[in-house]
Amino acid sequence: MTNGKLNIVVSGGNSNFANISQGDRNTNVSESQRIDARAEQAFAEFFQELERRRASEPAASHQQLDALKEEVSALKTALQSQTGGKKSLGETAKALYEQYGWAGDLLKKLLGVVIPGWLS
């Protein structure tokens, strides 16, 4: 393997690296990856807040918290793989708000980052 120099500077919202290669024979180690630090942080904060609420809520509401966590995890997976499925992000956000109105403050904070300009 020859010595080479690679500088990557990422500033701002996100970057998209396609076909990352490694080594002299250019073996493809990963396909397109979406990196959005603000969205990752927003998802992490969302899940942390859900866990805080789980600790303070009665056991009866844990099922709703789990269902919301599962749906938001599916949304995160779809965004990471860049496959929106049958619904658009707007439709998904609307469905989440309608089904989980009690978590509107959390969803607003999360989706305001994930879908820039949506709630402005």
N, C-alpha and C. Protein backbone atom coordinates (compact mmCIF):
# COMPACT_ATOMS: atom_id res chain seq x y z
N MET A 1 0.85 -1.17 0.00
CA MET A 1 0.00 0.00 0.00
C MET A 1 0.89 1.23 0.00
N THR A 2 0.61 2.16 -0.83
CA THR A 2 1.42 3.37 -0.90
C THR A 2 0.92 4.38 0.11
N ASN A 3 1.83 5.22 0.55
CA ASN A 3 1.45 6.28 1.47
C ASN A 3 0.76 7.39 0.70
N GLY A 4 -0.38 7.76 1.14
CA GLY A 4 -1.11 8.84 0.50
C GLY A 4 -1.59 9.82 1.54
N LYS A 5 -2.13 10.88 1.08
CA LYS A 5 -2.61 11.89 2.00
C LYS A 5 -4.08 12.15 1.69
N LEU A 6 -4.87 12.16 2.73
CA LEU A 6 -6.30 12.39 2.57
C LEU A 6 -6.74 13.37 3.63
N ASN A 7 -7.30 14.47 3.20
CA ASN A 7 -7.84 15.46 4.12
C ASN A 7 -9.33 15.59 3.86
N ILE A 8 -10.10 15.46 4.92
CA ILE A 8 -11.54 15.65 4.81
C ILE A 8 -11.95 16.68 5.84
N VAL A 9 -12.57 17.74 5.38
CA VAL A 9 -13.08 18.77 6.27
C VAL A 9 -14.57 18.84 6.08
N VAL A 10 -15.30 18.63 7.16
CA VAL A 10 -16.76 18.71 7.11
C VAL A 10 -17.19 19.79 8.07
N SER A 11 -17.91 20.76 7.57
CA SER A 11 -18.45 21.79 8.44
C SER A 11 -19.90 22.02 8.04
N GLY A 12 -20.68 22.39 8.98
CA GLY A 12 -22.08 22.62 8.67
C GLY A 12 -22.92 21.39 8.89
N GLY A 13 -23.97 21.26 8.11
CA GLY A 13 -25.00 20.25 8.35
C GLY A 13 -24.66 18.82 8.06
N ASN A 14 -24.36 18.46 6.83
CA ASN A 14 -24.15 17.04 6.54
C ASN A 14 -23.23 16.87 5.35
N SER A 15 -22.81 15.64 5.17
CA SER A 15 -21.95 15.28 4.04
C SER A 15 -22.41 13.94 3.51
N ASN A 16 -22.15 13.69 2.27
CA ASN A 16 -22.50 12.42 1.67
C ASN A 16 -21.25 11.86 1.00
N PHE A 17 -20.77 10.73 1.51
CA PHE A 17 -19.61 10.07 0.94
C PHE A 17 -20.10 8.87 0.15
N ALA A 18 -19.75 8.80 -1.11
CA ALA A 18 -20.18 7.69 -1.94
C ALA A 18 -18.99 6.81 -2.26
N ASN A 19 -19.20 5.51 -2.22
CA ASN A 19 -18.20 4.52 -2.60
C ASN A 19 -16.84 4.76 -1.95
N ILE A 20 -16.81 4.59 -0.66
CA ILE A 20 -15.55 4.73 0.08
C ILE A 20 -14.68 3.54 -0.26
N SER A 21 -13.45 3.80 -0.67
CA SER A 21 -12.53 2.74 -1.07
C SER A 21 -11.30 2.77 -0.18
N GLN A 22 -10.67 1.61 -0.04
CA GLN A 22 -9.51 1.51 0.84
C GLN A 22 -8.49 0.59 0.20
N GLY A 23 -7.23 0.98 0.25
CA GLY A 23 -6.14 0.12 -0.23
C GLY A 23 -5.76 0.40 -1.66
N ASP A 24 -4.66 -0.24 -2.09
CA ASP A 24 -4.16 -0.03 -3.44
C ASP A 24 -5.08 -0.63 -4.50
N ARG A 25 -5.79 -1.67 -4.15
CA ARG A 25 -6.67 -2.31 -5.13
C ARG A 25 -8.07 -1.71 -5.12
N ASN A 26 -8.25 -0.65 -4.36
CA ASN A 26 -9.52 0.08 -4.30
C ASN A 26 -10.70 -0.84 -3.99
N THR A 27 -10.56 -1.61 -2.95
CA THR A 27 -11.65 -2.48 -2.52
C THR A 27 -12.74 -1.63 -1.90
N ASN A 28 -13.94 -1.77 -2.39
CA ASN A 28 -15.05 -0.99 -1.89
C ASN A 28 -15.44 -1.50 -0.51
N VAL A 29 -15.33 -0.65 0.52
CA VAL A 29 -15.65 -1.07 1.88
C VAL A 29 -17.01 -0.57 2.34
N SER A 30 -17.57 0.37 1.66
CA SER A 30 -18.87 0.88 2.06
C SER A 30 -19.49 1.64 0.91
N GLU A 31 -20.78 1.53 0.81
CA GLU A 31 -21.47 2.31 -0.22
C GLU A 31 -21.85 3.65 0.37
N SER A 32 -22.70 4.37 -0.30
CA SER A 32 -23.07 5.71 0.10
C SER A 32 -23.52 5.78 1.55
N GLN A 33 -22.96 6.74 2.29
CA GLN A 33 -23.32 6.94 3.68
C GLN A 33 -23.76 8.38 3.88
N ARG A 34 -24.83 8.54 4.61
CA ARG A 34 -25.29 9.88 4.92
C ARG A 34 -24.86 10.21 6.35
N ILE A 35 -24.15 11.30 6.50
CA ILE A 35 -23.68 11.70 7.82
C ILE A 35 -24.29 13.07 8.11
N ASP A 36 -25.10 13.14 9.14
CA ASP A 36 -25.72 14.40 9.55
C ASP A 36 -25.63 14.46 11.07
N ALA A 37 -24.63 15.16 11.55
CA ALA A 37 -24.36 15.19 12.98
C ALA A 37 -25.51 15.78 13.78
N ARG A 38 -26.16 16.82 13.26
CA ARG A 38 -27.26 17.44 14.00
C ARG A 38 -28.44 16.49 14.13
N ALA A 39 -28.73 15.73 13.08
CA ALA A 39 -29.84 14.77 13.14
C ALA A 39 -29.51 13.64 14.11
N GLU A 40 -28.27 13.14 14.07
CA GLU A 40 -27.86 12.09 15.01
C GLU A 40 -28.03 12.56 16.45
N GLN A 41 -27.62 13.80 16.71
CA GLN A 41 -27.74 14.36 18.06
C GLN A 41 -29.21 14.51 18.45
N ALA A 42 -30.03 14.95 17.50
CA ALA A 42 -31.47 15.12 17.78
C ALA A 42 -32.13 13.78 18.10
N PHE A 43 -31.78 12.73 17.36
CA PHE A 43 -32.33 11.40 17.66
C PHE A 43 -31.86 10.93 19.03
N ALA A 44 -30.58 11.14 19.34
CA ALA A 44 -30.05 10.71 20.64
C ALA A 44 -30.78 11.42 21.78
N GLU A 45 -30.98 12.73 21.65
CA GLU A 45 -31.68 13.49 22.68
C GLU A 45 -33.13 13.04 22.81
N PHE A 46 -33.76 12.73 21.67
CA PHE A 46 -35.15 12.26 21.68
C PHE A 46 -35.26 10.96 22.48
N PHE A 47 -34.38 10.00 22.19
CA PHE A 47 -34.43 8.71 22.88
C PHE A 47 -34.09 8.85 24.36
N GLN A 48 -33.16 9.75 24.70
CA GLN A 48 -32.84 9.99 26.11
C GLN A 48 -34.04 10.56 26.85
N GLU A 49 -34.74 11.49 26.23
CA GLU A 49 -35.91 12.09 26.87
C GLU A 49 -37.02 11.06 27.03
N LEU A 50 -37.18 10.17 26.06
CA LEU A 50 -38.17 9.10 26.21
C LEU A 50 -37.84 8.23 27.43
N GLU A 51 -36.57 7.94 27.63
CA GLU A 51 -36.17 7.13 28.79
C GLU A 51 -36.41 7.88 30.10
N ARG A 52 -36.19 9.20 30.09
CA ARG A 52 -36.48 9.99 31.29
C ARG A 52 -37.97 9.95 31.61
N ARG A 53 -38.78 10.05 30.57
CA ARG A 53 -40.23 10.00 30.78
C ARG A 53 -40.67 8.62 31.26
N ARG A 54 -40.02 7.59 30.78
CA ARG A 54 -40.35 6.22 31.21
C ARG A 54 -40.16 6.10 32.72
N ALA A 55 -39.09 6.70 33.22
CA ALA A 55 -38.79 6.61 34.65
C ALA A 55 -39.82 7.35 35.50
N SER A 56 -40.41 8.41 34.94
CA SER A 56 -41.35 9.22 35.73
C SER A 56 -42.82 8.90 35.46
N GLU A 57 -43.11 8.13 34.44
CA GLU A 57 -44.49 7.81 34.08
C GLU A 57 -44.94 6.51 34.73
N PRO A 58 -46.24 6.35 34.90
CA PRO A 58 -46.74 5.06 35.41
C PRO A 58 -46.50 3.95 34.38
N ALA A 59 -46.45 2.72 34.86
CA ALA A 59 -46.14 1.57 34.01
C ALA A 59 -47.13 1.42 32.86
N ALA A 60 -48.36 1.89 33.04
CA ALA A 60 -49.38 1.75 32.00
C ALA A 60 -49.01 2.49 30.72
N SER A 61 -48.24 3.57 30.83
CA SER A 61 -47.89 4.34 29.63
C SER A 61 -46.62 3.85 28.96
N HIS A 62 -45.96 2.86 29.54
CA HIS A 62 -44.72 2.34 28.95
C HIS A 62 -44.95 1.74 27.56
N GLN A 63 -46.12 1.17 27.35
CA GLN A 63 -46.43 0.58 26.04
C GLN A 63 -46.47 1.66 24.97
N GLN A 64 -47.05 2.83 25.29
CA GLN A 64 -47.08 3.93 24.32
C GLN A 64 -45.68 4.46 24.05
N LEU A 65 -44.87 4.56 25.10
CA LEU A 65 -43.49 5.01 24.93
C LEU A 65 -42.71 4.06 24.03
N ASP A 66 -42.91 2.76 24.23
CA ASP A 66 -42.23 1.76 23.41
C ASP A 66 -42.66 1.84 21.95
N ALA A 67 -43.96 2.04 21.73
CA ALA A 67 -44.48 2.14 20.36
C ALA A 67 -43.91 3.37 19.65
N LEU A 68 -43.85 4.49 20.35
CA LEU A 68 -43.27 5.71 19.77
C LEU A 68 -41.79 5.50 19.47
N LYS A 69 -41.07 4.90 20.40
CA LYS A 69 -39.64 4.65 20.20
C LYS A 69 -39.42 3.75 18.98
N GLU A 70 -40.26 2.75 18.81
CA GLU A 70 -40.13 1.85 17.67
C GLU A 70 -40.38 2.57 16.34
N GLU A 71 -41.40 3.42 16.31
CA GLU A 71 -41.70 4.14 15.06
C GLU A 71 -40.62 5.17 14.72
N VAL A 72 -40.10 5.85 15.72
CA VAL A 72 -39.05 6.83 15.47
C VAL A 72 -37.75 6.12 15.08
N SER A 73 -37.49 4.95 15.65
CA SER A 73 -36.33 4.16 15.24
C SER A 73 -36.44 3.74 13.78
N ALA A 74 -37.65 3.37 13.36
CA ALA A 74 -37.86 3.01 11.95
C ALA A 74 -37.64 4.21 11.04
N LEU A 75 -38.08 5.39 11.50
CA LEU A 75 -37.85 6.61 10.73
C LEU A 75 -36.36 6.89 10.59
N LYS A 76 -35.63 6.73 11.69
CA LYS A 76 -34.18 6.95 11.66
C LYS A 76 -33.51 5.99 10.69
N THR A 77 -33.90 4.72 10.73
CA THR A 77 -33.33 3.72 9.83
C THR A 77 -33.62 4.08 8.38
N ALA A 78 -34.84 4.51 8.10
CA ALA A 78 -35.21 4.88 6.73
C ALA A 78 -34.39 6.09 6.26
N LEU A 79 -34.17 7.05 7.14
CA LEU A 79 -33.37 8.22 6.77
C LEU A 79 -31.91 7.84 6.54
N GLN A 80 -31.37 6.96 7.36
CA GLN A 80 -29.98 6.55 7.21
C GLN A 80 -29.76 5.78 5.92
N SER A 81 -30.72 4.95 5.55
CA SER A 81 -30.56 4.17 4.32
C SER A 81 -31.09 4.92 3.11
N GLN A 82 -31.61 6.11 3.35
CA GLN A 82 -32.15 6.99 2.31
C GLN A 82 -33.26 6.32 1.52
N THR A 83 -34.06 5.51 2.22
CA THR A 83 -35.24 4.92 1.61
C THR A 83 -36.44 5.42 2.38
N GLY A 84 -37.25 6.21 1.75
CA GLY A 84 -38.39 6.80 2.42
C GLY A 84 -39.58 5.87 2.54
N GLY A 85 -39.55 4.77 1.81
CA GLY A 85 -40.69 3.87 1.84
C GLY A 85 -41.86 4.47 1.08
N LYS A 86 -43.06 4.09 1.46
CA LYS A 86 -44.24 4.55 0.74
C LYS A 86 -44.68 5.94 1.16
N LYS A 87 -44.31 6.36 2.38
CA LYS A 87 -44.72 7.65 2.89
C LYS A 87 -43.59 8.67 2.76
N SER A 88 -43.97 9.92 2.55
CA SER A 88 -42.98 10.98 2.57
C SER A 88 -42.68 11.34 4.02
N LEU A 89 -41.64 12.12 4.24
CA LEU A 89 -41.31 12.55 5.59
C LEU A 89 -42.45 13.36 6.20
N GLY A 90 -43.05 14.21 5.39
CA GLY A 90 -44.17 15.02 5.88
C GLY A 90 -45.35 14.17 6.33
N GLU A 91 -45.67 13.15 5.55
CA GLU A 91 -46.77 12.24 5.92
C GLU A 91 -46.43 11.47 7.19
N THR A 92 -45.18 11.04 7.30
CA THR A 92 -44.75 10.32 8.50
C THR A 92 -44.84 11.22 9.72
N ALA A 93 -44.37 12.47 9.58
CA ALA A 93 -44.43 13.41 10.70
C ALA A 93 -45.87 13.67 11.12
N LYS A 94 -46.75 13.85 10.16
CA LYS A 94 -48.16 14.10 10.47
C LYS A 94 -48.76 12.90 11.21
N ALA A 95 -48.46 11.70 10.74
CA ALA A 95 -48.98 10.49 11.39
C ALA A 95 -48.47 10.36 12.82
N LEU A 96 -47.21 10.70 13.03
CA LEU A 96 -46.65 10.64 14.39
C LEU A 96 -47.35 11.64 15.31
N TYR A 97 -47.57 12.85 14.80
CA TYR A 97 -48.26 13.87 15.60
C TYR A 97 -49.68 13.45 15.93
N GLU A 98 -50.37 12.86 14.96
CA GLU A 98 -51.75 12.45 15.19
C GLU A 98 -51.83 11.30 16.19
N GLN A 99 -50.91 10.36 16.10
CA GLN A 99 -50.96 9.19 16.95
C GLN A 99 -50.37 9.45 18.34
N TYR A 100 -49.36 10.31 18.42
CA TYR A 100 -48.66 10.55 19.68
C TYR A 100 -48.70 12.03 20.03
N GLY A 101 -49.88 12.59 20.09
CA GLY A 101 -50.04 14.01 20.41
C GLY A 101 -49.44 14.38 21.76
N TRP A 102 -49.44 13.45 22.70
CA TRP A 102 -48.88 13.69 24.02
C TRP A 102 -47.37 13.94 23.98
N ALA A 103 -46.72 13.54 22.90
CA ALA A 103 -45.28 13.75 22.75
C ALA A 103 -44.97 14.83 21.72
N GLY A 104 -45.93 15.71 21.51
CA GLY A 104 -45.77 16.74 20.48
C GLY A 104 -44.54 17.61 20.66
N ASP A 105 -44.21 17.96 21.91
CA ASP A 105 -43.02 18.79 22.15
C ASP A 105 -41.74 18.07 21.74
N LEU A 106 -41.65 16.79 22.05
CA LEU A 106 -40.47 16.00 21.66
C LEU A 106 -40.38 15.85 20.14
N LEU A 107 -41.52 15.54 19.53
CA LEU A 107 -41.54 15.35 18.07
C LEU A 107 -41.20 16.65 17.34
N LYS A 108 -41.70 17.77 17.86
CA LYS A 108 -41.42 19.06 17.23
C LYS A 108 -39.93 19.35 17.25
N LYS A 109 -39.30 19.09 18.40
CA LYS A 109 -37.86 19.33 18.53
C LYS A 109 -37.07 18.43 17.59
N LEU A 110 -37.43 17.15 17.52
CA LEU A 110 -36.74 16.20 16.66
C LEU A 110 -36.94 16.52 15.18
N LEU A 111 -38.19 16.66 14.79
CA LEU A 111 -38.49 16.84 13.37
C LEU A 111 -38.07 18.22 12.85
N GLY A 112 -37.96 19.18 13.75
CA GLY A 112 -37.44 20.49 13.35
C GLY A 112 -36.01 20.42 12.87
N VAL A 113 -35.26 19.44 13.37
CA VAL A 113 -33.87 19.24 12.95
C VAL A 113 -33.80 18.29 11.75
N VAL A 114 -34.58 17.22 11.83
CA VAL A 114 -34.53 16.18 10.79
C VAL A 114 -35.10 16.69 9.45
N ILE A 115 -36.14 17.51 9.53
CA ILE A 115 -36.75 18.08 8.33
C ILE A 115 -36.57 19.59 8.40
N PRO A 116 -35.42 20.11 7.99
CA PRO A 116 -35.13 21.55 8.13
C PRO A 116 -36.20 22.40 7.43
N GLY A 117 -36.63 23.44 8.14
CA GLY A 117 -37.59 24.37 7.58
C GLY A 117 -39.03 23.91 7.66
N TRP A 118 -39.26 22.68 8.13
CA TRP A 118 -40.61 22.15 8.14
C TRP A 118 -41.52 22.86 9.11
N LEU A 119 -41.00 23.21 10.29
CA LEU A 119 -41.81 23.83 11.31
C LEU A 119 -41.51 25.33 11.46
N SER A 120 -40.78 25.90 10.52
CA SER A 120 -40.45 27.32 10.62
C SER A 120 -41.59 28.19 10.20
